[in-house]
Amino acid sequence: MKGEKTAAELATAYGVHPTMIHQWKKALLEGAQDIFERGGKKTPEIDEGAVRDLHAKIGQLAVANDFLSKKLKPWTGK
């Protein structure tokens, strides 16, 4: 942001493409005002249906993981 180094120098230093440096700078400049505004924070919108679906999927994966770990015990010796 200070202009001390070029985007190419920063990209090389941090192992990213120069385009990413430009995109990050643009995003910061566009969103900086929101960061420093006083007052209430925006509350993120939560999709309750998606949360329920994700919790259900976590439960399914936990059951599958438990089942597979029990079935693999004879071969792994754990």
PDB file of N, CA and C in Angstrom:
ATOM      1  N   MET A   1       0.822  -1.188   0.000  1.00  0.00           N
ATOM      2  CA  MET A   1       0.000   0.000   0.000  1.00  0.00           C
ATOM      3  C   MET A   1       0.872   1.260   0.000  1.00  0.00           C
ATOM      4  N   LYS A   2       2.029   1.173   0.619  1.00  0.00           N
ATOM      5  CA  LYS A   2       2.899   2.337   0.703  1.00  0.00           C
ATOM      6  C   LYS A   2       3.619   2.617  -0.605  1.00  0.00           C
ATOM      7  N   GLY A   3       3.704   1.616  -1.481  1.00  0.00           N
ATOM      8  CA  GLY A   3       4.392   1.804  -2.737  1.00  0.00           C
ATOM      9  C   GLY A   3       5.890   1.641  -2.630  1.00  0.00           C
ATOM     10  N   GLU A   4       6.349   1.019  -1.547  1.00  0.00           N
ATOM     11  CA  GLU A   4       7.782   0.829  -1.356  1.00  0.00           C
ATOM     12  C   GLU A   4       8.339  -0.243  -2.280  1.00  0.00           C
ATOM     13  N   LYS A   5       7.509  -1.224  -2.618  1.00  0.00           N
ATOM     14  CA  LYS A   5       7.930  -2.304  -3.508  1.00  0.00           C
ATOM     15  C   LYS A   5       6.901  -2.452  -4.622  1.00  0.00           C
ATOM     16  N   THR A   6       7.342  -2.985  -5.743  1.00  0.00           N
ATOM     17  CA  THR A   6       6.423  -3.219  -6.850  1.00  0.00           C
ATOM     18  C   THR A   6       5.625  -4.491  -6.585  1.00  0.00           C
ATOM     19  N   ALA A   7       4.563  -4.659  -7.340  1.00  0.00           N
ATOM     20  CA  ALA A   7       3.751  -5.867  -7.199  1.00  0.00           C
ATOM     21  C   ALA A   7       4.581  -7.102  -7.539  1.00  0.00           C
ATOM     22  N   ALA A   8       5.464  -6.986  -8.521  1.00  0.00           N
ATOM     23  CA  ALA A   8       6.311  -8.119  -8.896  1.00  0.00           C
ATOM     24  C   ALA A   8       7.267  -8.497  -7.762  1.00  0.00           C
ATOM     25  N   GLU A   9       7.822  -7.504  -7.086  1.00  0.00           N
ATOM     26  CA  GLU A   9       8.718  -7.776  -5.962  1.00  0.00           C
ATOM     27  C   GLU A   9       7.973  -8.434  -4.812  1.00  0.00           C
ATOM     28  N   LEU A  10       6.778  -7.934  -4.515  1.00  0.00           N
ATOM     29  CA  LEU A  10       5.968  -8.532  -3.449  1.00  0.00           C
ATOM     30  C   LEU A  10       5.558  -9.958  -3.805  1.00  0.00           C
ATOM     31  N   ALA A  11       5.186 -10.164  -5.070  1.00  0.00           N
ATOM     32  CA  ALA A  11       4.776 -11.493  -5.515  1.00  0.00           C
ATOM     33  C   ALA A  11       5.918 -12.485  -5.363  1.00  0.00           C
ATOM     34  N   THR A  12       7.107 -12.074  -5.726  1.00  0.00           N
ATOM     35  CA  THR A  12       8.268 -12.944  -5.586  1.00  0.00           C
ATOM     36  C   THR A  12       8.568 -13.221  -4.121  1.00  0.00           C
ATOM     37  N   ALA A  13       8.476 -12.200  -3.308  1.00  0.00           N
ATOM     38  CA  ALA A  13       8.785 -12.354  -1.885  1.00  0.00           C
ATOM     39  C   ALA A  13       7.818 -13.298  -1.185  1.00  0.00           C
ATOM     40  N   TYR A  14       6.549 -13.263  -1.581  1.00  0.00           N
ATOM     41  CA  TYR A  14       5.536 -14.063  -0.891  1.00  0.00           C
ATOM     42  C   TYR A  14       5.063 -15.270  -1.685  1.00  0.00           C
ATOM     43  N   GLY A  15       5.635 -15.495  -2.854  1.00  0.00           N
ATOM     44  CA  GLY A  15       5.320 -16.698  -3.623  1.00  0.00           C
ATOM     45  C   GLY A  15       3.921 -16.715  -4.212  1.00  0.00           C
ATOM     46  N   VAL A  16       3.422 -15.568  -4.623  1.00  0.00           N
ATOM     47  CA  VAL A  16       2.108 -15.502  -5.262  1.00  0.00           C
ATOM     48  C   VAL A  16       2.251 -14.802  -6.611  1.00  0.00           C
ATOM     49  N   HIS A  17       1.205 -14.859  -7.394  1.00  0.00           N
ATOM     50  CA  HIS A  17       1.213 -14.215  -8.704  1.00  0.00           C
ATOM     51  C   HIS A  17       0.944 -12.716  -8.528  1.00  0.00           C
ATOM     52  N   PRO A  18       1.580 -11.869  -9.336  1.00  0.00           N
ATOM     53  CA  PRO A  18       1.352 -10.426  -9.206  1.00  0.00           C
ATOM     54  C   PRO A  18      -0.116 -10.021  -9.332  1.00  0.00           C
ATOM     55  N   THR A  19      -0.878 -10.776 -10.099  1.00  0.00           N
ATOM     56  CA  THR A  19      -2.303 -10.482 -10.229  1.00  0.00           C
ATOM     57  C   THR A  19      -3.007 -10.559  -8.885  1.00  0.00           C
ATOM     58  N   MET A  20      -2.586 -11.508  -8.040  1.00  0.00           N
ATOM     59  CA  MET A  20      -3.194 -11.637  -6.717  1.00  0.00           C
ATOM     60  C   MET A  20      -2.905 -10.403  -5.880  1.00  0.00           C
ATOM     61  N   ILE A  21      -1.699  -9.866  -5.986  1.00  0.00           N
ATOM     62  CA  ILE A  21      -1.353  -8.652  -5.246  1.00  0.00           C
ATOM     63  C   ILE A  21      -2.287  -7.513  -5.657  1.00  0.00           C
ATOM     64  N   HIS A  22      -2.518  -7.380  -6.959  1.00  0.00           N
ATOM     65  CA  HIS A  22      -3.400  -6.321  -7.456  1.00  0.00           C
ATOM     66  C   HIS A  22      -4.842  -6.538  -6.984  1.00  0.00           C
ATOM     67  N   GLN A  23      -5.302  -7.786  -6.994  1.00  0.00           N
ATOM     68  CA  GLN A  23      -6.668  -8.079  -6.547  1.00  0.00           C
ATOM     69  C   GLN A  23      -6.830  -7.789  -5.062  1.00  0.00           C
ATOM     70  N   TRP A  24      -5.837  -8.157  -4.269  1.00  0.00           N
ATOM     71  CA  TRP A  24      -5.909  -7.905  -2.822  1.00  0.00           C
ATOM     72  C   TRP A  24      -5.907  -6.414  -2.536  1.00  0.00           C
ATOM     73  N   LYS A  25      -5.078  -5.684  -3.254  1.00  0.00           N
ATOM     74  CA  LYS A  25      -5.015  -4.234  -3.054  1.00  0.00           C
ATOM     75  C   LYS A  25      -6.356  -3.597  -3.406  1.00  0.00           C
ATOM     76  N   LYS A  26      -6.945  -4.026  -4.524  1.00  0.00           N
ATOM     77  CA  LYS A  26      -8.238  -3.494  -4.953  1.00  0.00           C
ATOM     78  C   LYS A  26      -9.315  -3.804  -3.906  1.00  0.00           C
ATOM     79  N   ALA A  27      -9.332  -5.045  -3.404  1.00  0.00           N
ATOM     80  CA  ALA A  27     -10.320  -5.445  -2.399  1.00  0.00           C
ATOM     81  C   ALA A  27     -10.147  -4.630  -1.119  1.00  0.00           C
ATOM     82  N   LEU A  28      -8.901  -4.377  -0.728  1.00  0.00           N
ATOM     83  CA  LEU A  28      -8.656  -3.581   0.470  1.00  0.00           C
ATOM     84  C   LEU A  28      -9.142  -2.156   0.285  1.00  0.00           C
ATOM     85  N   LEU A  29      -8.820  -1.560  -0.850  1.00  0.00           N
ATOM     86  CA  LEU A  29      -9.235  -0.180  -1.086  1.00  0.00           C
ATOM     87  C   LEU A  29     -10.754  -0.044  -1.163  1.00  0.00           C
ATOM     88  N   GLU A  30     -11.418  -1.043  -1.734  1.00  0.00           N
ATOM     89  CA  GLU A  30     -12.885  -0.995  -1.835  1.00  0.00           C
ATOM     90  C   GLU A  30     -13.553  -1.247  -0.490  1.00  0.00           C
ATOM     91  N   GLY A  31     -12.950  -2.091   0.357  1.00  0.00           N
ATOM     92  CA  GLY A  31     -13.589  -2.457   1.612  1.00  0.00           C
ATOM     93  C   GLY A  31     -13.051  -1.755   2.835  1.00  0.00           C
ATOM     94  N   ALA A  32     -12.044  -0.908   2.679  1.00  0.00           N
ATOM     95  CA  ALA A  32     -11.411  -0.276   3.830  1.00  0.00           C
ATOM     96  C   ALA A  32     -12.380   0.625   4.601  1.00  0.00           C
ATOM     97  N   GLN A  33     -13.253   1.293   3.895  1.00  0.00           N
ATOM     98  CA  GLN A  33     -14.191   2.187   4.566  1.00  0.00           C
ATOM     99  C   GLN A  33     -15.098   1.404   5.513  1.00  0.00           C
ATOM    100  N   ASP A  34     -15.536   0.218   5.087  1.00  0.00           N
ATOM    101  CA  ASP A  34     -16.411  -0.591   5.934  1.00  0.00           C
ATOM    102  C   ASP A  34     -15.698  -1.048   7.201  1.00  0.00           C
ATOM    103  N   ILE A  35     -14.410  -1.270   7.112  1.00  0.00           N
ATOM    104  CA  ILE A  35     -13.651  -1.743   8.257  1.00  0.00           C
ATOM    105  C   ILE A  35     -13.610  -0.689   9.354  1.00  0.00           C
ATOM    106  N   PHE A  36     -13.454   0.578   8.957  1.00  0.00           N
ATOM    107  CA  PHE A  36     -13.243   1.638   9.923  1.00  0.00           C
ATOM    108  C   PHE A  36     -14.505   2.417  10.287  1.00  0.00           C
ATOM    109  N   GLU A  37     -15.647   2.014   9.749  1.00  0.00           N
ATOM    110  CA  GLU A  37     -16.892   2.700  10.104  1.00  0.00           C
ATOM    111  C   GLU A  37     -17.234   2.413  11.553  1.00  0.00           C
ATOM    112  N   ARG A  38     -17.752   3.417  12.211  1.00  0.00           N
ATOM    113  CA  ARG A  38     -18.203   3.225  13.588  1.00  0.00           C
ATOM    114  C   ARG A  38     -19.665   2.807  13.549  1.00  0.00           C
ATOM    115  N   GLY A  39     -20.074   2.179  14.614  1.00  0.00           N
ATOM    116  CA  GLY A  39     -21.463   1.753  14.699  1.00  0.00           C
ATOM    117  C   GLY A  39     -21.545   0.241  14.739  1.00  0.00           C
ATOM    118  N   GLY A  40     -22.732  -0.246  14.488  1.00  0.00           N
ATOM    119  CA  GLY A  40     -22.962  -1.681  14.566  1.00  0.00           C
ATOM    120  C   GLY A  40     -22.305  -2.435  13.431  1.00  0.00           C
ATOM    121  N   LYS A  41     -21.889  -3.617  13.775  1.00  0.00           N
ATOM    122  CA  LYS A  41     -21.313  -4.492  12.761  1.00  0.00           C
ATOM    123  C   LYS A  41     -22.440  -5.179  12.019  1.00  0.00           C
ATOM    124  N   LYS A  42     -22.172  -5.496  10.777  1.00  0.00           N
ATOM    125  CA  LYS A  42     -23.137  -6.260  10.014  1.00  0.00           C
ATOM    126  C   LYS A  42     -23.127  -7.697  10.517  1.00  0.00           C
ATOM    127  N   THR A  43     -24.296  -8.223  10.770  1.00  0.00           N
ATOM    128  CA  THR A  43     -24.373  -9.614  11.182  1.00  0.00           C
ATOM    129  C   THR A  43     -24.452 -10.472   9.926  1.00  0.00           C
ATOM    130  N   PRO A  44     -23.665 -11.514   9.871  1.00  0.00           N
ATOM    131  CA  PRO A  44     -23.686 -12.358   8.674  1.00  0.00           C
ATOM    132  C   PRO A  44     -25.028 -13.064   8.550  1.00  0.00           C
ATOM    133  N   GLU A  45     -25.466 -13.190   7.324  1.00  0.00           N
ATOM    134  CA  GLU A  45     -26.712 -13.904   7.078  1.00  0.00           C
ATOM    135  C   GLU A  45     -26.433 -15.398   7.155  1.00  0.00           C
ATOM    136  N   ILE A  46     -27.241 -16.093   7.944  1.00  0.00           N
ATOM    137  CA  ILE A  46     -27.055 -17.527   8.127  1.00  0.00           C
ATOM    138  C   ILE A  46     -28.243 -18.252   7.516  1.00  0.00           C
ATOM    139  N   ASP A  47     -27.935 -19.162   6.639  1.00  0.00           N
ATOM    140  CA  ASP A  47     -28.964 -19.976   6.012  1.00  0.00           C
ATOM    141  C   ASP A  47     -29.191 -21.197   6.910  1.00  0.00           C
ATOM    142  N   GLU A  48     -30.271 -21.163   7.678  1.00  0.00           N
ATOM    143  CA  GLU A  48     -30.540 -22.230   8.651  1.00  0.00           C
ATOM    144  C   GLU A  48     -30.689 -23.588   7.977  1.00  0.00           C
ATOM    145  N   GLY A  49     -31.267 -23.617   6.792  1.00  0.00           N
ATOM    146  CA  GLY A  49     -31.417 -24.882   6.074  1.00  0.00           C
ATOM    147  C   GLY A  49     -30.074 -25.478   5.710  1.00  0.00           C
ATOM    148  N   ALA A  50     -29.163 -24.625   5.259  1.00  0.00           N
ATOM    149  CA  ALA A  50     -27.827 -25.102   4.896  1.00  0.00           C
ATOM    150  C   ALA A  50     -27.079 -25.598   6.133  1.00  0.00           C
ATOM    151  N   VAL A  51     -27.253 -24.909   7.258  1.00  0.00           N
ATOM    152  CA  VAL A  51     -26.598 -25.330   8.502  1.00  0.00           C
ATOM    153  C   VAL A  51     -27.119 -26.699   8.911  1.00  0.00           C
ATOM    154  N   ARG A  52     -28.437 -26.892   8.836  1.00  0.00           N
ATOM    155  CA  ARG A  52     -29.016 -28.198   9.174  1.00  0.00           C
ATOM    156  C   ARG A  52     -28.477 -29.292   8.264  1.00  0.00           C
ATOM    157  N   ASP A  53     -28.408 -29.001   6.967  1.00  0.00           N
ATOM    158  CA  ASP A  53     -27.889 -29.982   6.009  1.00  0.00           C
ATOM    159  C   ASP A  53     -26.437 -30.332   6.315  1.00  0.00           C
ATOM    160  N   LEU A  54     -25.642 -29.320   6.652  1.00  0.00           N
ATOM    161  CA  LEU A  54     -24.236 -29.575   6.957  1.00  0.00           C
ATOM    162  C   LEU A  54     -24.079 -30.383   8.247  1.00  0.00           C
ATOM    163  N   HIS A  55     -24.907 -30.094   9.258  1.00  0.00           N
ATOM    164  CA  HIS A  55     -24.850 -30.887  10.486  1.00  0.00           C
ATOM    165  C   HIS A  55     -25.243 -32.338  10.215  1.00  0.00           C
ATOM    166  N   ALA A  56     -26.237 -32.539   9.367  1.00  0.00           N
ATOM    167  CA  ALA A  56     -26.643 -33.896   9.006  1.00  0.00           C
ATOM    168  C   ALA A  56     -25.505 -34.616   8.291  1.00  0.00           C
ATOM    169  N   LYS A  57     -24.847 -33.927   7.388  1.00  0.00           N
ATOM    170  CA  LYS A  57     -23.728 -34.528   6.648  1.00  0.00           C
ATOM    171  C   LYS A  57     -22.588 -34.871   7.583  1.00  0.00           C
ATOM    172  N   ILE A  58     -22.304 -33.995   8.559  1.00  0.00           N
ATOM    173  CA  ILE A  58     -21.257 -34.282   9.541  1.00  0.00           C
ATOM    174  C   ILE A  58     -21.603 -35.549  10.320  1.00  0.00           C
ATOM    175  N   GLY A  59     -22.860 -35.685  10.709  1.00  0.00           N
ATOM    176  CA  GLY A  59     -23.292 -36.877  11.426  1.00  0.00           C
ATOM    177  C   GLY A  59     -23.119 -38.129  10.590  1.00  0.00           C
ATOM    178  N   GLN A  60     -23.488 -38.065   9.313  1.00  0.00           N
ATOM    179  CA  GLN A  60     -23.326 -39.215   8.419  1.00  0.00           C
ATOM    180  C   GLN A  60     -21.860 -39.597   8.284  1.00  0.00           C
ATOM    181  N   LEU A  61     -21.014 -38.605   8.115  1.00  0.00           N
ATOM    182  CA  LEU A  61     -19.588 -38.885   7.957  1.00  0.00           C
ATOM    183  C   LEU A  61     -18.978 -39.443   9.235  1.00  0.00           C
ATOM    184  N   ALA A  62     -19.445 -38.978  10.395  1.00  0.00           N
ATOM    185  CA  ALA A  62     -18.946 -39.490  11.668  1.00  0.00           C
ATOM    186  C   ALA A  62     -19.333 -40.959  11.829  1.00  0.00           C
ATOM    187  N   VAL A  63     -20.565 -41.304  11.469  1.00  0.00           N
ATOM    188  CA  VAL A  63     -21.013 -42.697  11.557  1.00  0.00           C
ATOM    189  C   VAL A  63     -20.201 -43.567  10.603  1.00  0.00           C
ATOM    190  N   ALA A  64     -20.008 -43.101   9.383  1.00  0.00           N
ATOM    191  CA  ALA A  64     -19.234 -43.864   8.408  1.00  0.00           C
ATOM    192  C   ALA A  64     -17.796 -44.037   8.881  1.00  0.00           C
ATOM    193  N   ASN A  65     -17.216 -42.997   9.449  1.00  0.00           N
ATOM    194  CA  ASN A  65     -15.849 -43.064   9.946  1.00  0.00           C
ATOM    195  C   ASN A  65     -15.730 -44.088  11.076  1.00  0.00           C
ATOM    196  N   ASP A  66     -16.663 -44.056  12.007  1.00  0.00           N
ATOM    197  CA  ASP A  66     -16.654 -45.021  13.109  1.00  0.00           C
ATOM    198  C   ASP A  66     -16.784 -46.443  12.579  1.00  0.00           C
ATOM    199  N   PHE A  67     -17.699 -46.656  11.649  1.00  0.00           N
ATOM    200  CA  PHE A  67     -17.921 -47.978  11.069  1.00  0.00           C
ATOM    201  C   PHE A  67     -16.654 -48.488  10.391  1.00  0.00           C
ATOM    202  N   LEU A  68     -16.053 -47.636   9.564  1.00  0.00           N
ATOM    203  CA  LEU A  68     -14.862 -48.059   8.835  1.00  0.00           C
ATOM    204  C   LEU A  68     -13.679 -48.299   9.758  1.00  0.00           C
ATOM    205  N   SER A  69     -13.546 -47.490  10.794  1.00  0.00           N
ATOM    206  CA  SER A  69     -12.425 -47.696  11.716  1.00  0.00           C
ATOM    207  C   SER A  69     -12.576 -49.018  12.459  1.00  0.00           C
ATOM    208  N   LYS A  70     -13.803 -49.412  12.764  1.00  0.00           N
ATOM    209  CA  LYS A  70     -14.028 -50.699  13.429  1.00  0.00           C
ATOM    210  C   LYS A  70     -13.753 -51.856  12.485  1.00  0.00           C
ATOM    211  N   LYS A  71     -14.144 -51.714  11.218  1.00  0.00           N
ATOM    212  CA  LYS A  71     -13.947 -52.787  10.244  1.00  0.00           C
ATOM    213  C   LYS A  71     -12.483 -52.932   9.834  1.00  0.00           C
ATOM    214  N   LEU A  72     -11.711 -51.864   9.921  1.00  0.00           N
ATOM    215  CA  LEU A  72     -10.309 -51.908   9.516  1.00  0.00           C
ATOM    216  C   LEU A  72      -9.372 -52.323  10.639  1.00  0.00           C
ATOM    217  N   LYS A  73      -9.867 -52.441  11.868  1.00  0.00           N
ATOM    218  CA  LYS A  73      -9.023 -52.798  12.993  1.00  0.00           C
ATOM    219  C   LYS A  73      -8.239 -54.089  12.760  1.00  0.00           C
ATOM    220  N   PRO A  74      -8.864 -55.148  12.254  1.00  0.00           N
ATOM    221  CA  PRO A  74      -8.091 -56.397  12.053  1.00  0.00           C
ATOM    222  C   PRO A  74      -6.890 -56.214  11.120  1.00  0.00           C
ATOM    223  N   TRP A  75      -6.975 -55.318  10.165  1.00  0.00           N
ATOM    224  CA  TRP A  75      -5.876 -55.155   9.203  1.00  0.00           C
ATOM    225  C   TRP A  75      -4.825 -54.149   9.677  1.00  0.00           C
ATOM    226  N   THR A  76      -5.238 -53.185  10.467  1.00  0.00           N
ATOM    227  CA  THR A  76      -4.283 -52.151  10.902  1.00  0.00           C
ATOM    228  C   THR A  76      -3.629 -52.503  12.233  1.00  0.00           C
ATOM    229  N   GLY A  77      -4.262 -53.346  13.024  1.00  0.00           N
ATOM    230  CA  GLY A  77      -3.707 -53.730  14.309  1.00  0.00           C
ATOM    231  C   GLY A  77      -3.855 -52.656  15.377  1.00  0.00           C
ATOM    232  N   LYS A  78      -4.684 -51.690  15.137  1.00  0.00           N
ATOM    233  CA  LYS A  78      -4.875 -50.610  16.127  1.00  0.00           C
ATOM    234  C   LYS A  78      -6.162 -50.784  16.872  1.00  0.00           C
TER     235      LYS A  78
END
